[in-house]
Protein backbone atom coordinates (compact mmCIF):
# COMPACT_ATOMS: atom_id res chain seq x y z
CA GLN A 1 0.00 0.00 0.00
CA VAL A 2 1.18 3.51 -0.78
CA GLN A 3 0.82 6.29 1.78
CA LEU A 4 0.00 9.78 0.52
CA VAL A 5 0.37 13.12 2.31
CA GLU A 6 -0.84 16.39 0.76
CA SER A 7 0.49 19.84 1.54
CA GLY A 8 0.43 23.36 0.13
CA GLY A 9 -3.18 24.33 0.69
CA GLY A 10 -4.15 27.75 1.94
CA LEU A 11 -6.03 30.96 1.26
CA VAL A 12 -5.59 32.85 -2.01
CA GLN A 13 -7.46 35.58 -3.85
CA ALA A 14 -9.38 34.92 -7.04
CA GLY A 15 -7.03 34.98 -10.02
CA GLY A 16 -4.09 33.85 -7.95
CA SER A 17 -2.07 30.65 -8.03
CA LEU A 18 -1.25 27.87 -5.63
CA ARG A 19 0.77 24.66 -5.87
CA LEU A 20 -0.19 21.53 -3.99
CA SER A 21 2.20 18.67 -3.30
CA CYS A 22 1.57 15.01 -2.57
CA ALA A 23 4.38 12.98 -1.07
CA ALA A 24 4.17 9.21 -1.52
CA SER A 25 5.83 6.38 0.38
CA GLY A 26 5.49 2.65 1.04
CA ARG A 27 5.63 1.28 -2.51
CA THR A 28 7.50 1.91 -5.72
CA PHE A 29 6.13 5.33 -6.56
CA ASN A 30 6.57 5.21 -10.33
CA ASN A 31 4.40 2.09 -10.54
CA TYR A 32 1.32 4.19 -9.69
CA ALA A 33 -0.79 6.56 -11.67
CA MET A 34 -1.67 9.56 -9.51
CA GLY A 35 -4.54 11.98 -9.36
CA TRP A 36 -6.26 14.79 -7.52
CA PHE A 37 -9.85 15.03 -6.33
CA ARG A 38 -11.66 17.78 -4.48
CA GLN A 39 -14.69 18.07 -2.27
CA ALA A 40 -16.43 21.36 -1.57
CA ALA A 41 -18.54 21.85 1.53
CA GLY A 42 -21.90 20.16 1.08
CA ALA A 43 -20.88 18.61 -2.26
CA GLU A 44 -19.72 15.24 -3.52
CA ARG A 45 -16.08 14.49 -4.09
CA GLU A 46 -15.17 15.11 -7.72
CA PHE A 47 -12.30 14.20 -9.99
CA VAL A 48 -9.86 16.98 -10.86
CA CYS A 49 -6.99 15.48 -12.83
CA ALA A 50 -4.65 12.50 -13.12
CA ILE A 51 -1.25 11.57 -14.50
CA SER A 52 0.14 8.21 -15.62
CA TRP A 53 2.97 6.48 -13.80
CA SER A 54 5.41 7.57 -16.50
CA GLY A 55 4.14 11.13 -16.58
CA GLY A 56 3.36 10.81 -20.29
CA ALA A 57 -0.44 10.81 -20.17
CA TYR A 58 -2.94 13.13 -18.48
CA SER A 59 -6.60 13.57 -17.76
CA TYR A 60 -8.32 16.80 -16.64
CA ALA A 61 -11.86 17.55 -15.61
CA ASP A 62 -13.52 20.24 -17.73
CA PRO A 63 -13.75 22.90 -14.98
CA VAL A 64 -9.96 22.97 -14.54
CA LYS A 65 -8.74 22.51 -18.12
CA GLY A 66 -6.36 25.26 -19.11
CA ARG A 67 -5.90 26.39 -15.51
CA PHE A 68 -4.53 23.43 -13.56
CA ILE A 69 -1.45 21.37 -14.36
CA ILE A 70 -0.57 18.02 -12.81
CA SER A 71 3.04 16.86 -12.80
CA ARG A 72 5.24 14.40 -10.98
CA ASP A 73 8.84 14.05 -9.93
CA ASN A 74 9.47 10.35 -9.41
CA ALA A 75 12.94 11.01 -8.02
CA LYS A 76 11.24 12.88 -5.16
CA ASN A 77 8.22 10.54 -4.94
CA THR A 78 6.03 13.60 -5.28
CA VAL A 79 3.05 14.67 -7.39
CA TYR A 80 2.17 18.33 -7.85
CA LEU A 81 -0.94 20.27 -8.74
CA GLN A 82 -0.24 23.74 -10.08
CA MET A 83 -3.44 25.76 -9.85
CA ASN A 84 -3.62 29.00 -11.81
CA SER A 85 -6.37 31.58 -12.36
CA LEU A 86 -8.12 30.32 -9.27
CA LYS A 87 -11.84 30.93 -8.86
CA PRO A 88 -14.01 30.93 -5.73
CA GLU A 89 -15.67 27.75 -7.00
CA ASP A 90 -12.29 26.00 -6.74
CA THR A 91 -12.63 26.22 -2.95
CA ALA A 92 -12.55 22.67 -1.58
CA VAL A 93 -10.54 20.09 0.27
CA TYR A 94 -8.12 18.62 -2.25
CA TYR A 95 -7.17 14.95 -2.01
CA CYS A 96 -4.30 13.08 -3.59
CA ALA A 97 -5.05 9.59 -4.92
CA ALA A 98 -3.17 6.63 -6.41
CA GLY A 99 -4.08 3.71 -8.68
CA VAL A 100 -2.57 1.20 -11.08
CA ASN A 101 -3.53 3.23 -14.15
CA LEU A 102 -5.31 6.42 -15.19
CA ALA A 103 -8.74 4.78 -15.46
CA THR A 104 -8.41 3.29 -11.99
CA VAL A 105 -7.39 6.62 -10.46
CA VAL A 106 -10.41 8.33 -12.00
CA SER A 107 -12.92 5.66 -10.99
CA ALA A 108 -11.62 3.79 -7.94
CA PRO A 109 -8.29 4.86 -6.45
CA SER A 110 -6.57 2.34 -4.21
CA SER A 111 -5.05 4.95 -1.89
CA TRP A 112 -6.04 8.40 -0.62
CA GLY A 113 -4.31 11.21 1.18
CA GLN A 114 -5.81 13.07 4.13
CA GLY A 115 -6.65 16.20 2.14
CA THR A 116 -5.57 19.83 2.22
CA GLN A 117 -7.88 22.84 2.28
CA VAL A 118 -7.82 25.35 -0.57
CA THR A 119 -9.87 28.51 -0.13
CA VAL A 120 -10.23 31.10 -2.90
CA SER A 121 -11.65 34.47 -1.88
CA SER A 122 -13.46 36.93 -4.14
């Protein structure tokens, strides 16, 4: 099992940027596809984006396309989420997730992080 720990959340103004990090341990990191989900207060958890184990394939949810970028540094066992042009509707707890491939990350991740709060003010 892989353990995931998110960091980098905080409060930013609309239009600003923020970078989240997810540190992984416990298993060979580059054997896992990784992704990000978010859950706003009173809402269901939703998929944000994912990256393949090699870093060569991506998937983004429509609301974040063109604004968010997922990347990974396997040497550091870390996945990043660069969030640009942030909007108030991006406010949520952001969770890191892992799976054996992109499809699995999107639909049924095998591991989850504890989440980090991102708040975007108007």
